[in-house]
Amino acid sequence: VRGARPMPKSGWTIEIRREVPAQPAESQGRRVTEDATRISWTARTADDMLASAHYDEFVVVARLPAQAGTLWWPVHQVCEQGRLDWVQVPGPGQKASDLSAPAVPLEVMPSGAGAGHHAH
């Protein structure tokens, strides 16, 4: 993905690691000299931490590749009791549900004559 930007969350700080892209790219007519490669949200105080009985959303907007397929997003979750790395990617013939800590899948759909935005 290109141009990833995180949505701020009240009570959390955001850290963005940027690196030079492996392949040259342009965005809106400008050459991309660095791009986000890792985004981290960290609770500012113990009161801001997410209780284990709850869930939350951590939102990122980015430009997806034109090629259809599954993108796997690794997630590293750290809390007071420890850490869980959701980074496993299924191998051939394996399902994500077979894994103990699968990465988050995002299915990129093919573009075509029927693709696009429609308002009703």
N, C-alpha and C. Protein backbone atom coordinates (compact mmCIF):
# COMPACT_ATOMS: atom_id res chain seq x y z
N VAL A 1 0.85 -1.18 0.00
CA VAL A 1 0.00 0.00 0.00
C VAL A 1 0.89 1.23 0.00
N ARG A 2 0.34 2.32 -0.40
CA ARG A 2 1.07 3.59 -0.47
C ARG A 2 0.30 4.68 0.29
N GLY A 3 1.04 5.64 0.82
CA GLY A 3 0.43 6.82 1.42
C GLY A 3 -0.41 6.56 2.65
N ALA A 4 -0.04 5.58 3.46
CA ALA A 4 -0.83 5.25 4.66
C ALA A 4 -0.82 6.42 5.65
N ARG A 5 -2.03 6.75 6.13
CA ARG A 5 -2.19 7.81 7.14
C ARG A 5 -3.13 7.29 8.22
N PRO A 6 -2.70 7.38 9.48
CA PRO A 6 -3.54 6.90 10.58
C PRO A 6 -4.54 7.95 11.05
N MET A 7 -5.66 7.47 11.58
CA MET A 7 -6.64 8.36 12.21
C MET A 7 -6.25 8.53 13.68
N PRO A 8 -6.13 9.78 14.16
CA PRO A 8 -5.81 10.00 15.57
C PRO A 8 -6.89 9.44 16.48
N LYS A 9 -6.49 9.02 17.69
CA LYS A 9 -7.41 8.52 18.70
C LYS A 9 -7.18 9.31 19.98
N SER A 10 -8.23 9.76 20.59
CA SER A 10 -8.13 10.47 21.85
C SER A 10 -7.47 9.57 22.89
N GLY A 11 -6.47 10.09 23.59
CA GLY A 11 -5.78 9.33 24.63
C GLY A 11 -4.64 8.46 24.12
N TRP A 12 -4.35 8.50 22.82
CA TRP A 12 -3.31 7.66 22.23
C TRP A 12 -2.34 8.53 21.42
N THR A 13 -1.07 8.17 21.43
CA THR A 13 -0.08 8.82 20.58
C THR A 13 0.14 7.94 19.35
N ILE A 14 0.54 8.56 18.27
CA ILE A 14 0.80 7.84 17.02
C ILE A 14 2.26 8.02 16.66
N GLU A 15 2.89 6.92 16.29
CA GLU A 15 4.26 6.95 15.77
C GLU A 15 4.23 6.35 14.37
N ILE A 16 4.82 7.05 13.41
CA ILE A 16 4.86 6.57 12.02
C ILE A 16 6.31 6.38 11.61
N ARG A 17 6.66 5.15 11.25
CA ARG A 17 8.01 4.88 10.72
C ARG A 17 7.93 5.06 9.21
N ARG A 18 8.86 5.84 8.67
CA ARG A 18 8.90 6.10 7.24
C ARG A 18 10.23 5.59 6.67
N GLU A 19 10.15 5.04 5.45
CA GLU A 19 11.34 4.54 4.77
C GLU A 19 11.25 4.88 3.29
N VAL A 20 12.39 4.82 2.61
CA VAL A 20 12.44 5.02 1.17
C VAL A 20 11.79 3.82 0.51
N PRO A 21 10.85 4.02 -0.43
CA PRO A 21 10.20 2.88 -1.08
C PRO A 21 11.20 2.04 -1.87
N ALA A 22 10.97 0.73 -1.91
CA ALA A 22 11.85 -0.19 -2.65
C ALA A 22 11.76 0.09 -4.15
N GLN A 23 10.58 0.48 -4.62
CA GLN A 23 10.39 0.82 -6.03
C GLN A 23 9.98 2.27 -6.14
N PRO A 24 10.55 3.01 -7.10
CA PRO A 24 10.16 4.42 -7.27
C PRO A 24 8.66 4.54 -7.53
N ALA A 25 8.08 5.60 -7.02
CA ALA A 25 6.64 5.81 -7.19
C ALA A 25 6.34 7.29 -7.28
N GLU A 26 5.16 7.58 -7.85
CA GLU A 26 4.66 8.95 -7.90
C GLU A 26 3.27 8.99 -7.30
N SER A 27 2.96 10.11 -6.67
CA SER A 27 1.62 10.30 -6.10
C SER A 27 1.21 11.73 -6.39
N GLN A 28 0.09 11.90 -7.08
CA GLN A 28 -0.44 13.21 -7.43
C GLN A 28 0.60 14.06 -8.13
N GLY A 29 1.36 13.42 -9.04
CA GLY A 29 2.35 14.13 -9.84
C GLY A 29 3.67 14.41 -9.14
N ARG A 30 3.83 13.91 -7.91
CA ARG A 30 5.09 14.15 -7.18
C ARG A 30 5.78 12.82 -6.92
N ARG A 31 7.10 12.84 -6.95
CA ARG A 31 7.88 11.65 -6.66
C ARG A 31 7.82 11.35 -5.16
N VAL A 32 7.55 10.10 -4.81
CA VAL A 32 7.48 9.68 -3.41
C VAL A 32 8.90 9.34 -2.95
N THR A 33 9.42 10.09 -1.99
CA THR A 33 10.78 9.85 -1.50
C THR A 33 10.80 9.04 -0.21
N GLU A 34 9.68 8.98 0.49
CA GLU A 34 9.56 8.13 1.67
C GLU A 34 8.08 7.81 1.87
N ASP A 35 7.83 6.68 2.53
CA ASP A 35 6.45 6.26 2.76
C ASP A 35 6.36 5.55 4.10
N ALA A 36 5.17 5.53 4.68
CA ALA A 36 4.96 4.88 5.97
C ALA A 36 5.12 3.37 5.82
N THR A 37 5.89 2.77 6.71
CA THR A 37 6.07 1.31 6.70
C THR A 37 5.56 0.68 7.99
N ARG A 38 5.35 1.48 9.02
CA ARG A 38 4.80 0.97 10.28
C ARG A 38 4.10 2.12 10.99
N ILE A 39 2.93 1.81 11.53
CA ILE A 39 2.17 2.79 12.31
C ILE A 39 1.87 2.17 13.66
N SER A 40 2.17 2.92 14.73
CA SER A 40 1.94 2.42 16.09
C SER A 40 1.09 3.41 16.87
N TRP A 41 0.08 2.89 17.56
CA TRP A 41 -0.72 3.67 18.51
C TRP A 41 -0.33 3.20 19.90
N THR A 42 -0.10 4.13 20.82
CA THR A 42 0.27 3.80 22.20
C THR A 42 -0.61 4.62 23.15
N ALA A 43 -1.24 3.93 24.10
CA ALA A 43 -2.08 4.61 25.10
C ALA A 43 -1.20 5.54 25.93
N ARG A 44 -1.70 6.73 26.18
CA ARG A 44 -0.91 7.72 26.94
C ARG A 44 -0.85 7.39 28.43
N THR A 45 -1.97 6.89 28.98
CA THR A 45 -2.02 6.57 30.41
C THR A 45 -2.71 5.23 30.60
N ALA A 46 -2.64 4.70 31.79
CA ALA A 46 -3.32 3.43 32.10
C ALA A 46 -4.83 3.56 31.89
N ASP A 47 -5.38 4.74 32.16
CA ASP A 47 -6.82 4.95 31.96
C ASP A 47 -7.20 4.92 30.48
N ASP A 48 -6.25 5.24 29.59
CA ASP A 48 -6.52 5.24 28.15
C ASP A 48 -6.39 3.84 27.53
N MET A 49 -5.78 2.91 28.25
CA MET A 49 -5.58 1.57 27.71
C MET A 49 -6.91 0.89 27.47
N LEU A 50 -6.93 0.01 26.51
CA LEU A 50 -8.13 -0.73 26.17
C LEU A 50 -8.26 -1.95 27.08
N ALA A 51 -9.37 -2.04 27.79
CA ALA A 51 -9.60 -3.18 28.67
C ALA A 51 -9.73 -4.44 27.82
N SER A 52 -9.26 -5.58 28.35
CA SER A 52 -9.29 -6.82 27.58
C SER A 52 -10.71 -7.29 27.26
N ALA A 53 -11.70 -6.81 27.98
CA ALA A 53 -13.09 -7.18 27.72
C ALA A 53 -13.70 -6.38 26.57
N HIS A 54 -12.94 -5.40 26.02
CA HIS A 54 -13.45 -4.53 24.98
C HIS A 54 -12.59 -4.61 23.73
N TYR A 55 -13.10 -4.02 22.66
CA TYR A 55 -12.32 -3.89 21.44
C TYR A 55 -12.43 -2.45 20.96
N ASP A 56 -11.61 -2.10 20.00
CA ASP A 56 -11.63 -0.75 19.45
C ASP A 56 -11.19 -0.82 18.00
N GLU A 57 -11.26 0.29 17.30
CA GLU A 57 -10.82 0.36 15.92
C GLU A 57 -9.62 1.29 15.83
N PHE A 58 -8.65 0.88 15.03
CA PHE A 58 -7.48 1.69 14.74
C PHE A 58 -7.48 1.84 13.22
N VAL A 59 -7.79 3.05 12.75
CA VAL A 59 -8.10 3.27 11.34
C VAL A 59 -6.89 3.83 10.59
N VAL A 60 -6.69 3.28 9.39
CA VAL A 60 -5.64 3.74 8.47
C VAL A 60 -6.28 3.91 7.10
N VAL A 61 -5.96 5.00 6.42
CA VAL A 61 -6.37 5.18 5.04
C VAL A 61 -5.10 5.07 4.19
N ALA A 62 -5.19 4.37 3.05
CA ALA A 62 -4.02 4.17 2.19
C ALA A 62 -4.48 3.85 0.77
N ARG A 63 -3.58 4.01 -0.18
CA ARG A 63 -3.85 3.64 -1.56
C ARG A 63 -3.49 2.16 -1.72
N LEU A 64 -4.46 1.38 -2.18
CA LEU A 64 -4.27 -0.06 -2.35
C LEU A 64 -3.68 -0.36 -3.72
N PRO A 65 -3.03 -1.51 -3.86
CA PRO A 65 -2.50 -1.87 -5.18
C PRO A 65 -3.63 -2.14 -6.17
N ALA A 66 -3.33 -1.99 -7.46
CA ALA A 66 -4.33 -2.24 -8.51
C ALA A 66 -4.61 -3.73 -8.67
N GLN A 67 -3.65 -4.55 -8.32
CA GLN A 67 -3.79 -6.00 -8.49
C GLN A 67 -4.68 -6.59 -7.40
N ALA A 68 -5.66 -7.41 -7.81
CA ALA A 68 -6.55 -8.06 -6.86
C ALA A 68 -5.80 -9.13 -6.08
N GLY A 69 -6.27 -9.42 -4.88
CA GLY A 69 -5.67 -10.46 -4.05
C GLY A 69 -5.79 -10.10 -2.59
N THR A 70 -5.24 -10.95 -1.75
CA THR A 70 -5.30 -10.74 -0.30
C THR A 70 -4.04 -10.06 0.19
N LEU A 71 -4.21 -8.99 0.95
CA LEU A 71 -3.10 -8.34 1.64
C LEU A 71 -3.18 -8.77 3.10
N TRP A 72 -2.07 -9.14 3.68
CA TRP A 72 -2.03 -9.55 5.08
C TRP A 72 -1.37 -8.45 5.89
N TRP A 73 -2.07 -7.95 6.91
CA TRP A 73 -1.59 -6.85 7.74
C TRP A 73 -1.13 -7.42 9.08
N PRO A 74 0.16 -7.42 9.36
CA PRO A 74 0.62 -7.89 10.67
C PRO A 74 0.25 -6.87 11.75
N VAL A 75 -0.17 -7.39 12.89
CA VAL A 75 -0.55 -6.55 14.03
C VAL A 75 0.19 -7.06 15.26
N HIS A 76 0.87 -6.14 15.94
CA HIS A 76 1.59 -6.48 17.17
C HIS A 76 0.83 -5.83 18.32
N GLN A 77 0.26 -6.64 19.19
CA GLN A 77 -0.55 -6.16 20.30
C GLN A 77 0.24 -6.33 21.59
N VAL A 78 0.46 -5.22 22.29
CA VAL A 78 1.22 -5.24 23.54
C VAL A 78 0.31 -4.71 24.65
N CYS A 79 0.28 -5.43 25.77
CA CYS A 79 -0.50 -4.97 26.91
C CYS A 79 0.28 -5.25 28.18
N GLU A 80 -0.27 -4.87 29.32
CA GLU A 80 0.44 -5.05 30.59
C GLU A 80 0.75 -6.52 30.87
N GLN A 81 -0.12 -7.43 30.40
CA GLN A 81 0.07 -8.85 30.69
C GLN A 81 1.00 -9.54 29.68
N GLY A 82 1.40 -8.88 28.61
CA GLY A 82 2.27 -9.50 27.63
C GLY A 82 2.05 -8.97 26.23
N ARG A 83 2.37 -9.81 25.26
CA ARG A 83 2.34 -9.40 23.86
C ARG A 83 1.80 -10.55 23.02
N LEU A 84 1.05 -10.19 21.97
CA LEU A 84 0.60 -11.19 20.99
C LEU A 84 0.83 -10.60 19.61
N ASP A 85 1.57 -11.32 18.79
CA ASP A 85 1.86 -10.89 17.43
C ASP A 85 0.94 -11.62 16.47
N TRP A 86 -0.01 -10.90 15.89
CA TRP A 86 -0.95 -11.44 14.91
C TRP A 86 -0.28 -11.31 13.55
N VAL A 87 0.60 -12.25 13.22
CA VAL A 87 1.43 -12.11 12.02
C VAL A 87 1.44 -13.35 11.12
N GLN A 88 0.75 -14.41 11.51
CA GLN A 88 0.79 -15.64 10.73
C GLN A 88 -0.03 -15.50 9.44
N VAL A 89 0.55 -15.98 8.34
CA VAL A 89 -0.11 -15.96 7.03
C VAL A 89 -0.31 -17.41 6.60
N PRO A 90 -1.52 -17.77 6.18
CA PRO A 90 -1.76 -19.16 5.79
C PRO A 90 -0.93 -19.57 4.58
N GLY A 91 -0.43 -20.79 4.60
CA GLY A 91 0.29 -21.35 3.47
C GLY A 91 -0.69 -21.96 2.47
N PRO A 92 -0.16 -22.52 1.39
CA PRO A 92 -1.04 -23.14 0.38
C PRO A 92 -1.92 -24.22 1.01
N GLY A 93 -3.22 -24.14 0.74
CA GLY A 93 -4.17 -25.11 1.25
C GLY A 93 -4.55 -24.94 2.70
N GLN A 94 -4.05 -23.89 3.34
CA GLN A 94 -4.32 -23.65 4.76
C GLN A 94 -5.29 -22.47 4.89
N LYS A 95 -6.15 -22.50 5.89
CA LYS A 95 -7.09 -21.41 6.15
C LYS A 95 -6.56 -20.55 7.29
N ALA A 96 -6.92 -19.28 7.29
CA ALA A 96 -6.54 -18.39 8.39
C ALA A 96 -7.09 -18.91 9.71
N SER A 97 -8.26 -19.55 9.68
CA SER A 97 -8.87 -20.08 10.89
C SER A 97 -8.06 -21.24 11.48
N ASP A 98 -7.14 -21.83 10.69
CA ASP A 98 -6.27 -22.90 11.18
C ASP A 98 -5.10 -22.36 12.01
N LEU A 99 -4.88 -21.06 11.97
CA LEU A 99 -3.73 -20.44 12.63
C LEU A 99 -4.10 -19.93 14.01
N SER A 100 -3.15 -19.91 14.93
CA SER A 100 -3.43 -19.43 16.28
C SER A 100 -3.40 -17.91 16.38
N ALA A 101 -2.61 -17.23 15.53
CA ALA A 101 -2.52 -15.77 15.57
C ALA A 101 -2.37 -15.23 14.15
N PRO A 102 -3.45 -15.34 13.34
CA PRO A 102 -3.34 -14.90 11.95
C PRO A 102 -3.24 -13.38 11.81
N ALA A 103 -2.50 -12.94 10.78
CA ALA A 103 -2.49 -11.53 10.42
C ALA A 103 -3.89 -11.17 9.92
N VAL A 104 -4.18 -9.88 9.84
CA VAL A 104 -5.49 -9.41 9.41
C VAL A 104 -5.55 -9.42 7.87
N PRO A 105 -6.52 -10.13 7.29
CA PRO A 105 -6.61 -10.15 5.82
C PRO A 105 -7.45 -8.98 5.29
N LEU A 106 -7.02 -8.45 4.15
CA LEU A 106 -7.79 -7.44 3.43
C LEU A 106 -7.86 -7.91 1.99
N GLU A 107 -9.06 -8.20 1.53
CA GLU A 107 -9.24 -8.71 0.17
C GLU A 107 -9.42 -7.55 -0.79
N VAL A 108 -8.46 -7.39 -1.74
CA VAL A 108 -8.53 -6.36 -2.76
C VAL A 108 -9.28 -6.97 -3.94
N MET A 109 -10.39 -6.36 -4.30
CA MET A 109 -11.23 -6.87 -5.38
C MET A 109 -10.74 -6.36 -6.72
N PRO A 110 -10.98 -7.14 -7.80
CA PRO A 110 -10.54 -6.70 -9.13
C PRO A 110 -11.36 -5.50 -9.58
N SER A 111 -10.70 -4.62 -10.32
CA SER A 111 -11.44 -3.50 -10.90
C SER A 111 -11.98 -3.96 -12.24
N GLY A 112 -12.96 -3.26 -12.74
CA GLY A 112 -13.56 -3.63 -14.02
C GLY A 112 -14.72 -2.73 -14.33
N ALA A 113 -15.47 -3.09 -15.36
CA ALA A 113 -16.59 -2.26 -15.80
C ALA A 113 -17.63 -2.05 -14.70
N GLY A 114 -17.81 -3.05 -13.81
CA GLY A 114 -18.81 -2.93 -12.75
C GLY A 114 -18.26 -2.35 -11.47
N ALA A 115 -16.95 -2.08 -11.43
CA ALA A 115 -16.34 -1.57 -10.20
C ALA A 115 -16.53 -0.06 -10.10
N GLY A 116 -16.36 0.45 -8.92
CA GLY A 116 -16.44 1.90 -8.73
C GLY A 116 -17.43 2.26 -7.64
N HIS A 117 -17.63 3.53 -7.46
CA HIS A 117 -18.55 4.03 -6.44
C HIS A 117 -19.89 4.35 -7.08
N HIS A 118 -20.94 4.01 -6.40
CA HIS A 118 -22.28 4.32 -6.88
C HIS A 118 -23.06 4.96 -5.75
N ALA A 119 -23.79 5.99 -6.06
CA ALA A 119 -24.65 6.63 -5.07
C ALA A 119 -26.09 6.34 -5.43
N HIS A 120 -26.89 6.00 -4.45
CA HIS A 120 -28.31 5.73 -4.66
C HIS A 120 -29.14 6.60 -3.76
